[in-house]
Amino acid sequence: MLFRIDTFEMEGTTVVQVKGQLVGEGVAELERALQGVKAPLVVDLAFLRTADAEGIKILRSIVEDGGELRNASPYVQLLLNREK
């Protein structure tokens, strides 16, 4: 599995699970999946293995727009915390 997105509702929150590698076309696929998603939004990164610069950019934009990132691995957290 290179990349997969699962979306579901849980206790009034939209949860988007991102799995695999958020690179290349996967970034555009995530953008499409997020269109029209109602708030509050949680993006679960428990199964995200890696992300390229564009993938990290979209994850940061989710937070800037009021969404929440959860369960990022230490590696993904390091990528998110690097200088922009």
Protein backbone atom coordinates (compact mmCIF):
# COMPACT_ATOMS: atom_id res chain seq x y z
CA MET A 1 0.00 0.00 0.00
CA LEU A 2 1.53 3.28 -1.11
CA PHE A 3 -1.28 5.54 0.15
CA ARG A 4 -4.81 5.25 1.50
CA ILE A 5 -7.37 7.59 3.04
CA ASP A 6 -10.30 6.48 5.19
CA THR A 7 -12.92 8.96 6.38
CA PHE A 8 -15.56 8.36 9.04
CA GLU A 9 -17.59 10.12 11.72
CA MET A 10 -16.92 9.50 15.39
CA GLU A 11 -18.78 11.29 18.19
CA GLY A 12 -19.62 14.29 16.00
CA THR A 13 -16.08 14.62 14.64
CA THR A 14 -14.91 13.89 11.11
CA VAL A 15 -11.87 11.62 11.28
CA VAL A 16 -9.58 11.23 8.28
CA GLN A 17 -7.03 8.44 8.56
CA VAL A 18 -3.97 8.87 6.35
CA LYS A 19 -2.04 5.65 5.74
CA GLY A 20 1.20 4.92 3.93
CA GLN A 21 3.28 7.58 2.19
CA LEU A 22 1.90 11.09 1.68
CA VAL A 23 3.87 11.92 -1.45
CA GLY A 24 3.17 12.98 -5.04
CA GLU A 25 -0.39 12.29 -6.16
CA GLY A 26 -1.35 11.33 -2.60
CA VAL A 27 -1.19 15.00 -1.61
CA ALA A 28 -3.77 15.93 -4.27
CA GLU A 29 -5.89 12.96 -3.20
CA LEU A 30 -5.86 14.18 0.41
CA GLU A 31 -6.83 17.69 -0.72
CA ARG A 32 -9.81 16.23 -2.61
CA ALA A 33 -10.81 14.10 0.39
CA LEU A 34 -10.80 17.17 2.65
CA GLN A 35 -13.05 19.25 0.42
CA GLY A 36 -16.45 19.62 2.01
CA VAL A 37 -15.48 17.84 5.22
CA LYS A 38 -17.37 19.35 8.11
CA ALA A 39 -15.70 20.55 11.28
CA PRO A 40 -14.48 19.52 13.73
CA LEU A 41 -11.78 17.66 11.80
CA VAL A 42 -9.21 15.22 13.16
CA VAL A 43 -6.53 13.76 10.91
CA ASP A 44 -5.20 10.48 12.33
CA LEU A 45 -1.58 9.92 11.32
CA ALA A 46 -1.00 6.66 13.21
CA PHE A 47 -0.38 4.76 9.97
CA LEU A 48 1.44 7.50 8.05
CA ARG A 49 4.97 6.31 7.31
CA THR A 50 6.42 9.39 5.62
CA ALA A 51 5.53 12.58 3.75
CA ASP A 52 7.30 14.77 1.22
CA ALA A 53 7.51 18.58 1.45
CA GLU A 54 4.07 19.05 -0.14
CA GLY A 55 2.56 16.45 2.18
CA ILE A 56 3.95 18.22 5.22
CA LYS A 57 2.67 21.52 3.83
CA ILE A 58 -0.92 20.23 3.60
CA LEU A 59 -0.74 18.75 7.10
CA ARG A 60 0.42 22.09 8.48
CA SER A 61 -2.38 23.86 6.61
CA ILE A 62 -4.92 21.55 8.26
CA VAL A 63 -3.73 22.76 11.67
CA GLU A 64 -3.72 26.40 10.51
CA ASP A 65 -7.35 25.96 9.41
CA GLY A 66 -8.39 24.67 12.84
CA GLY A 67 -8.02 20.92 12.31
CA GLU A 68 -6.17 18.59 14.65
CA LEU A 69 -3.43 16.09 13.85
CA ARG A 70 -3.27 13.03 16.09
CA ASN A 71 -1.05 10.00 16.59
CA ALA A 72 1.89 11.13 14.47
CA SER A 73 4.94 8.90 14.81
CA PRO A 74 8.11 10.51 16.19
CA TYR A 75 9.49 10.61 12.63
CA VAL A 76 6.42 12.36 11.19
CA GLN A 77 6.35 14.72 14.18
CA LEU A 78 9.98 15.59 13.43
CA LEU A 79 9.04 16.39 9.82
CA LEU A 80 6.16 18.58 10.99
CA ASN A 81 8.34 20.46 13.46
CA ARG A 82 11.16 21.23 11.04
CA GLU A 83 11.55 24.82 9.89
CA LYS A 84 9.12 25.78 7.18
